Amino acid sequence: MTAEQQIVLIADDSITNLHVLNNILRPHYRVRATRSGERAVEIAARERPDAVLLDIMMPDLDGPDVCRRIKAQPGLADVPVIFVTGSADADARALCQAAGGAALLSKPVDPQALLAAVAAHIRTDTPAPGAD
């Protein structure tokens, strides 16, 4: 499976953040995006993403709850969830880790750090984007 075939699901209530993350990831992955935590759970169950990017704070269902619900779905327990948030303090890190998150990145996100984190957490036999 090539990186372009791998699916990354993004859930963030900010349309600006969705555009930024989408623009970084789309050249390398198939991207699915939503502004709703509830919708993210539905998309994950249907699309079976290879990785999920979540904001911590969303109005309908927060990121840690989305993470727990995705990981409770049959066959999705091992899907890496990367939190992308403006609040990357120790409490946020502990909250994300307790929910089953694989990593936490701070906003504004560094494009290379985002690509590296996604590539590191997606299990694959193909090289990471930009790898030689």
N, C-alpha and C. Protein backbone atom coordinates (compact mmCIF):
# COMPACT_ATOMS: atom_id res chain seq x y z
N MET A 1 0.85 -1.18 0.00
CA MET A 1 0.00 0.00 0.00
C MET A 1 0.89 1.23 0.00
N THR A 2 0.68 2.14 -0.93
CA THR A 2 1.46 3.36 -0.97
C THR A 2 0.85 4.39 -0.04
N ALA A 3 1.65 5.40 0.29
CA ALA A 3 1.16 6.45 1.18
C ALA A 3 -0.07 7.12 0.60
N GLU A 4 -0.11 7.29 -0.74
CA GLU A 4 -1.25 7.95 -1.37
C GLU A 4 -2.54 7.17 -1.18
N GLN A 5 -2.45 5.88 -0.91
CA GLN A 5 -3.63 5.05 -0.69
C GLN A 5 -4.05 5.04 0.77
N GLN A 6 -3.15 5.45 1.65
CA GLN A 6 -3.47 5.45 3.08
C GLN A 6 -4.40 6.61 3.39
N ILE A 7 -5.31 6.36 4.32
CA ILE A 7 -6.32 7.35 4.67
C ILE A 7 -5.97 7.98 6.02
N VAL A 8 -5.99 9.30 6.05
CA VAL A 8 -5.84 10.04 7.30
C VAL A 8 -7.13 10.81 7.52
N LEU A 9 -7.74 10.60 8.66
CA LEU A 9 -8.96 11.29 9.05
C LEU A 9 -8.60 12.46 9.95
N ILE A 10 -9.13 13.65 9.63
CA ILE A 10 -8.90 14.84 10.44
C ILE A 10 -10.24 15.30 11.03
N ALA A 11 -10.25 15.58 12.34
CA ALA A 11 -11.43 16.15 12.98
C ALA A 11 -11.00 17.39 13.76
N ASP A 12 -11.50 18.53 13.33
CA ASP A 12 -11.20 19.80 13.98
C ASP A 12 -12.37 20.73 13.69
N ASP A 13 -12.87 21.43 14.70
CA ASP A 13 -14.03 22.30 14.48
C ASP A 13 -13.69 23.59 13.75
N SER A 14 -12.41 23.89 13.57
CA SER A 14 -11.99 25.09 12.85
C SER A 14 -11.77 24.78 11.37
N ILE A 15 -12.51 25.45 10.52
CA ILE A 15 -12.36 25.24 9.07
C ILE A 15 -10.95 25.63 8.62
N THR A 16 -10.38 26.66 9.26
CA THR A 16 -9.02 27.08 8.91
C THR A 16 -8.02 25.97 9.23
N ASN A 17 -8.14 25.37 10.41
CA ASN A 17 -7.24 24.28 10.79
C ASN A 17 -7.41 23.08 9.86
N LEU A 18 -8.66 22.78 9.48
CA LEU A 18 -8.90 21.68 8.55
C LEU A 18 -8.19 21.94 7.23
N HIS A 19 -8.28 23.17 6.72
CA HIS A 19 -7.63 23.51 5.45
C HIS A 19 -6.11 23.38 5.56
N VAL A 20 -5.55 23.88 6.65
CA VAL A 20 -4.10 23.81 6.84
C VAL A 20 -3.63 22.35 6.87
N LEU A 21 -4.27 21.54 7.71
CA LEU A 21 -3.88 20.13 7.82
C LEU A 21 -4.10 19.38 6.51
N ASN A 22 -5.22 19.65 5.86
CA ASN A 22 -5.53 19.01 4.58
C ASN A 22 -4.46 19.36 3.54
N ASN A 23 -4.07 20.63 3.46
CA ASN A 23 -3.08 21.05 2.47
C ASN A 23 -1.72 20.41 2.72
N ILE A 24 -1.38 20.18 3.96
CA ILE A 24 -0.11 19.51 4.28
C ILE A 24 -0.17 18.03 3.92
N LEU A 25 -1.28 17.37 4.24
CA LEU A 25 -1.36 15.92 4.10
C LEU A 25 -1.78 15.43 2.72
N ARG A 26 -2.62 16.18 2.02
CA ARG A 26 -3.20 15.70 0.76
C ARG A 26 -2.17 15.26 -0.29
N PRO A 27 -1.01 15.91 -0.41
CA PRO A 27 -0.05 15.40 -1.40
C PRO A 27 0.49 14.00 -1.09
N HIS A 28 0.30 13.55 0.15
CA HIS A 28 0.89 12.28 0.57
C HIS A 28 -0.12 11.20 0.94
N TYR A 29 -1.32 11.60 1.31
CA TYR A 29 -2.33 10.66 1.81
C TYR A 29 -3.71 11.00 1.24
N ARG A 30 -4.61 10.03 1.31
CA ARG A 30 -6.03 10.32 1.07
C ARG A 30 -6.56 10.90 2.37
N VAL A 31 -7.16 12.07 2.30
CA VAL A 31 -7.60 12.76 3.51
C VAL A 31 -9.11 12.80 3.57
N ARG A 32 -9.64 12.50 4.76
CA ARG A 32 -11.06 12.68 5.06
C ARG A 32 -11.10 13.69 6.20
N ALA A 33 -12.00 14.64 6.14
CA ALA A 33 -12.03 15.69 7.15
C ALA A 33 -13.46 15.99 7.59
N THR A 34 -13.58 16.37 8.85
CA THR A 34 -14.88 16.74 9.41
C THR A 34 -14.68 17.74 10.53
N ARG A 35 -15.70 18.55 10.77
CA ARG A 35 -15.68 19.50 11.87
C ARG A 35 -16.41 18.94 13.10
N SER A 36 -16.86 17.70 13.04
CA SER A 36 -17.67 17.11 14.09
C SER A 36 -17.01 15.86 14.68
N GLY A 37 -16.96 15.81 16.00
CA GLY A 37 -16.44 14.61 16.66
C GLY A 37 -17.32 13.40 16.41
N GLU A 38 -18.64 13.60 16.48
CA GLU A 38 -19.58 12.50 16.21
C GLU A 38 -19.39 11.96 14.79
N ARG A 39 -19.25 12.87 13.85
CA ARG A 39 -19.07 12.49 12.44
C ARG A 39 -17.72 11.77 12.26
N ALA A 40 -16.71 12.17 13.00
CA ALA A 40 -15.40 11.51 12.91
C ALA A 40 -15.51 10.04 13.29
N VAL A 41 -16.29 9.75 14.32
CA VAL A 41 -16.48 8.35 14.73
C VAL A 41 -17.16 7.57 13.61
N GLU A 42 -18.18 8.17 12.99
CA GLU A 42 -18.89 7.52 11.88
C GLU A 42 -17.96 7.28 10.69
N ILE A 43 -17.18 8.28 10.34
CA ILE A 43 -16.26 8.16 9.21
C ILE A 43 -15.21 7.09 9.50
N ALA A 44 -14.69 7.07 10.71
CA ALA A 44 -13.68 6.07 11.07
C ALA A 44 -14.22 4.65 10.94
N ALA A 45 -15.46 4.45 11.39
CA ALA A 45 -16.06 3.11 11.30
C ALA A 45 -16.24 2.69 9.84
N ARG A 46 -16.57 3.63 8.98
CA ARG A 46 -16.82 3.33 7.57
C ARG A 46 -15.53 3.26 6.75
N GLU A 47 -14.64 4.23 6.93
CA GLU A 47 -13.45 4.36 6.08
C GLU A 47 -12.23 3.59 6.59
N ARG A 48 -12.21 3.26 7.89
CA ARG A 48 -11.11 2.53 8.50
C ARG A 48 -9.77 3.23 8.20
N PRO A 49 -9.59 4.45 8.74
CA PRO A 49 -8.39 5.22 8.43
C PRO A 49 -7.12 4.57 8.97
N ASP A 50 -6.01 4.95 8.37
CA ASP A 50 -4.70 4.46 8.82
C ASP A 50 -4.15 5.31 9.95
N ALA A 51 -4.67 6.54 10.08
CA ALA A 51 -4.31 7.44 11.18
C ALA A 51 -5.43 8.46 11.34
N VAL A 52 -5.53 9.02 12.55
CA VAL A 52 -6.55 10.02 12.85
C VAL A 52 -5.86 11.21 13.51
N LEU A 53 -6.20 12.42 13.06
CA LEU A 53 -5.74 13.65 13.69
C LEU A 53 -6.94 14.29 14.36
N LEU A 54 -6.82 14.60 15.64
CA LEU A 54 -7.94 15.15 16.40
C LEU A 54 -7.55 16.41 17.15
N ASP A 55 -8.46 17.39 17.13
CA ASP A 55 -8.37 18.52 18.02
C ASP A 55 -8.88 18.05 19.39
N ILE A 56 -8.37 18.61 20.45
CA ILE A 56 -8.86 18.22 21.78
C ILE A 56 -10.24 18.80 22.03
N MET A 57 -10.41 20.08 21.75
CA MET A 57 -11.65 20.77 22.07
C MET A 57 -12.53 20.91 20.82
N MET A 58 -13.66 20.22 20.83
CA MET A 58 -14.66 20.35 19.77
C MET A 58 -16.02 20.45 20.45
N PRO A 59 -16.96 21.13 19.83
CA PRO A 59 -18.22 21.41 20.52
C PRO A 59 -19.12 20.20 20.78
N ASP A 60 -19.21 19.26 19.87
CA ASP A 60 -20.17 18.16 20.05
C ASP A 60 -19.60 16.99 20.83
N LEU A 61 -18.35 16.67 20.61
CA LEU A 61 -17.70 15.53 21.26
C LEU A 61 -16.22 15.85 21.26
N ASP A 62 -15.59 15.90 22.42
CA ASP A 62 -14.19 16.32 22.44
C ASP A 62 -13.26 15.22 21.93
N GLY A 63 -12.03 15.64 21.60
CA GLY A 63 -11.06 14.73 21.00
C GLY A 63 -10.81 13.45 21.79
N PRO A 64 -10.58 13.53 23.11
CA PRO A 64 -10.36 12.28 23.85
C PRO A 64 -11.55 11.32 23.78
N ASP A 65 -12.78 11.86 23.80
CA ASP A 65 -13.96 10.99 23.66
C ASP A 65 -14.01 10.37 22.26
N VAL A 66 -13.68 11.16 21.25
CA VAL A 66 -13.64 10.65 19.87
C VAL A 66 -12.61 9.52 19.80
N CYS A 67 -11.45 9.75 20.36
CA CYS A 67 -10.38 8.74 20.36
C CYS A 67 -10.87 7.44 21.00
N ARG A 68 -11.46 7.54 22.18
CA ARG A 68 -11.94 6.33 22.86
C ARG A 68 -13.01 5.60 22.04
N ARG A 69 -13.92 6.36 21.43
CA ARG A 69 -14.98 5.74 20.64
C ARG A 69 -14.43 5.07 19.38
N ILE A 70 -13.46 5.71 18.74
CA ILE A 70 -12.85 5.09 17.55
C ILE A 70 -12.15 3.80 17.95
N LYS A 71 -11.37 3.86 19.00
CA LYS A 71 -10.60 2.68 19.41
C LYS A 71 -11.48 1.55 19.93
N ALA A 72 -12.72 1.86 20.30
CA ALA A 72 -13.67 0.83 20.74
C ALA A 72 -14.32 0.11 19.56
N GLN A 73 -14.18 0.65 18.35
CA GLN A 73 -14.76 0.03 17.16
C GLN A 73 -13.98 -1.24 16.80
N PRO A 74 -14.67 -2.28 16.34
CA PRO A 74 -13.96 -3.50 15.93
C PRO A 74 -12.92 -3.18 14.84
N GLY A 75 -11.70 -3.65 15.08
CA GLY A 75 -10.64 -3.49 14.10
C GLY A 75 -9.95 -2.13 14.11
N LEU A 76 -10.34 -1.23 14.99
CA LEU A 76 -9.74 0.11 14.99
C LEU A 76 -8.91 0.40 16.25
N ALA A 77 -8.76 -0.56 17.12
CA ALA A 77 -8.03 -0.33 18.37
C ALA A 77 -6.59 0.10 18.14
N ASP A 78 -5.98 -0.36 17.05
CA ASP A 78 -4.58 -0.04 16.78
C ASP A 78 -4.38 1.18 15.88
N VAL A 79 -5.46 1.85 15.49
CA VAL A 79 -5.31 3.04 14.64
C VAL A 79 -4.66 4.14 15.46
N PRO A 80 -3.53 4.67 14.98
CA PRO A 80 -2.87 5.74 15.74
C PRO A 80 -3.67 7.04 15.68
N VAL A 81 -3.84 7.64 16.85
CA VAL A 81 -4.53 8.92 16.96
C VAL A 81 -3.52 9.96 17.41
N ILE A 82 -3.39 11.00 16.61
CA ILE A 82 -2.47 12.09 16.90
C ILE A 82 -3.31 13.32 17.22
N PHE A 83 -3.13 13.86 18.40
CA PHE A 83 -3.85 15.06 18.78
C PHE A 83 -3.08 16.28 18.29
N VAL A 84 -3.80 17.21 17.68
CA VAL A 84 -3.22 18.46 17.20
C VAL A 84 -3.99 19.56 17.91
N THR A 85 -3.32 20.27 18.82
CA THR A 85 -4.05 21.18 19.69
C THR A 85 -3.25 22.42 20.05
N GLY A 86 -3.97 23.44 20.42
CA GLY A 86 -3.35 24.67 20.89
C GLY A 86 -2.94 24.58 22.35
N SER A 87 -3.41 23.57 23.06
CA SER A 87 -3.11 23.43 24.49
C SER A 87 -2.29 22.17 24.72
N ALA A 88 -0.98 22.28 24.49
CA ALA A 88 -0.11 21.11 24.60
C ALA A 88 0.65 21.08 25.92
N ASP A 89 -0.01 21.50 27.00
CA ASP A 89 0.62 21.47 28.31
C ASP A 89 0.60 20.04 28.87
N ALA A 90 1.15 19.88 30.06
CA ALA A 90 1.25 18.54 30.67
C ALA A 90 -0.12 17.91 30.91
N ASP A 91 -1.11 18.72 31.30
CA ASP A 91 -2.46 18.18 31.51
C ASP A 91 -3.07 17.66 30.21
N ALA A 92 -2.87 18.42 29.13
CA ALA A 92 -3.39 18.00 27.83
C ALA A 92 -2.71 16.71 27.37
N ARG A 93 -1.41 16.65 27.57
CA ARG A 93 -0.67 15.43 27.19
C ARG A 93 -1.18 14.22 27.96
N ALA A 94 -1.39 14.39 29.26
CA ALA A 94 -1.88 13.29 30.09
C ALA A 94 -3.28 12.86 29.66
N LEU A 95 -4.14 13.83 29.36
CA LEU A 95 -5.50 13.54 28.89
C LEU A 95 -5.49 12.75 27.59
N CYS A 96 -4.65 13.18 26.65
CA CYS A 96 -4.57 12.51 25.35
C CYS A 96 -3.98 11.11 25.49
N GLN A 97 -2.95 10.99 26.31
CA GLN A 97 -2.34 9.67 26.52
C GLN A 97 -3.33 8.72 27.17
N ALA A 98 -4.09 9.19 28.16
CA ALA A 98 -5.07 8.35 28.84
C ALA A 98 -6.18 7.90 27.89
N ALA A 99 -6.48 8.71 26.89
CA ALA A 99 -7.52 8.36 25.92
C ALA A 99 -7.01 7.38 24.85
N GLY A 100 -5.71 7.16 24.81
CA GLY A 100 -5.15 6.24 23.83
C GLY A 100 -4.42 6.92 22.69
N GLY A 101 -4.14 8.21 22.83
CA GLY A 101 -3.44 8.94 21.78
C GLY A 101 -2.00 8.48 21.62
N ALA A 102 -1.53 8.50 20.38
CA ALA A 102 -0.16 8.10 20.08
C ALA A 102 0.81 9.26 20.20
N ALA A 103 0.33 10.49 19.95
CA ALA A 103 1.21 11.66 19.98
C ALA A 103 0.37 12.91 20.13
N LEU A 104 1.03 14.01 20.45
CA LEU A 104 0.37 15.30 20.56
C LEU A 104 1.26 16.35 19.90
N LEU A 105 0.70 17.09 18.96
CA LEU A 105 1.41 18.17 18.28
C LEU A 105 0.75 19.49 18.62
N SER A 106 1.56 20.54 18.73
CA SER A 106 1.05 21.87 19.05
C SER A 106 0.68 22.64 17.79
N LYS A 107 -0.37 23.47 17.93
CA LYS A 107 -0.73 24.42 16.88
C LYS A 107 -0.01 25.72 17.18
N PRO A 108 0.42 26.46 16.19
CA PRO A 108 0.33 26.11 14.78
C PRO A 108 1.29 24.96 14.47
N VAL A 109 0.81 24.05 13.66
CA VAL A 109 1.57 22.83 13.39
C VAL A 109 2.69 23.11 12.38
N ASP A 110 3.83 22.50 12.65
CA ASP A 110 4.95 22.55 11.72
C ASP A 110 4.71 21.45 10.68
N PRO A 111 4.66 21.81 9.39
CA PRO A 111 4.34 20.80 8.37
C PRO A 111 5.25 19.58 8.40
N GLN A 112 6.55 19.78 8.56
CA GLN A 112 7.47 18.63 8.57
C GLN A 112 7.25 17.76 9.81
N ALA A 113 6.99 18.39 10.95
CA ALA A 113 6.72 17.62 12.16
C ALA A 113 5.44 16.82 12.01
N LEU A 114 4.42 17.41 11.38
CA LEU A 114 3.16 16.69 11.16
C LEU A 114 3.38 15.49 10.26
N LEU A 115 4.04 15.71 9.12
CA LEU A 115 4.29 14.59 8.19
C LEU A 115 5.13 13.50 8.86
N ALA A 116 6.12 13.90 9.64
CA ALA A 116 6.97 12.92 10.33
C ALA A 116 6.16 12.13 11.35
N ALA A 117 5.30 12.81 12.10
CA ALA A 117 4.49 12.11 13.12
C ALA A 117 3.52 11.13 12.47
N VAL A 118 2.86 11.55 11.41
CA VAL A 118 1.92 10.65 10.73
C VAL A 118 2.66 9.45 10.17
N ALA A 119 3.77 9.70 9.48
CA ALA A 119 4.54 8.61 8.88
C ALA A 119 5.08 7.65 9.95
N ALA A 120 5.49 8.18 11.08
CA ALA A 120 6.05 7.34 12.14
C ALA A 120 5.01 6.44 12.78
N HIS A 121 3.77 6.91 12.81
CA HIS A 121 2.73 6.14 13.50
C HIS A 121 1.92 5.23 12.60
N ILE A 122 1.91 5.50 11.30
CA ILE A 122 1.22 4.60 10.37
C ILE A 122 2.13 3.41 10.12
N ARG A 123 1.57 2.23 10.34
CA ARG A 123 2.34 1.02 10.09
C ARG A 123 2.30 0.71 8.60
N THR A 124 3.50 0.65 8.00
CA THR A 124 3.55 0.44 6.56
C THR A 124 4.89 -0.14 6.15
N ASP A 125 4.92 -0.73 4.98
CA ASP A 125 6.17 -1.23 4.43
C ASP A 125 6.78 -0.24 3.45
N THR A 126 6.07 0.85 3.17
CA THR A 126 6.57 1.84 2.23
C THR A 126 7.28 2.94 2.99
N PRO A 127 8.25 3.63 2.33
CA PRO A 127 8.96 4.70 3.01
C PRO A 127 8.05 5.87 3.35
N ALA A 128 8.43 6.60 4.36
CA ALA A 128 7.68 7.80 4.76
C ALA A 128 7.79 8.86 3.68
N PRO A 129 6.80 9.75 3.58
CA PRO A 129 6.90 10.84 2.61
C PRO A 129 8.18 11.63 2.83
N GLY A 130 8.92 11.83 1.74
CA GLY A 130 10.15 12.58 1.83
C GLY A 130 11.35 11.75 2.23
N ALA A 131 11.16 10.46 2.54
CA ALA A 131 12.27 9.60 2.94
C ALA A 131 13.00 9.12 1.70
N ASP A 132 14.31 8.93 1.84
CA ASP A 132 15.11 8.43 0.71
C ASP A 132 15.24 6.93 0.76
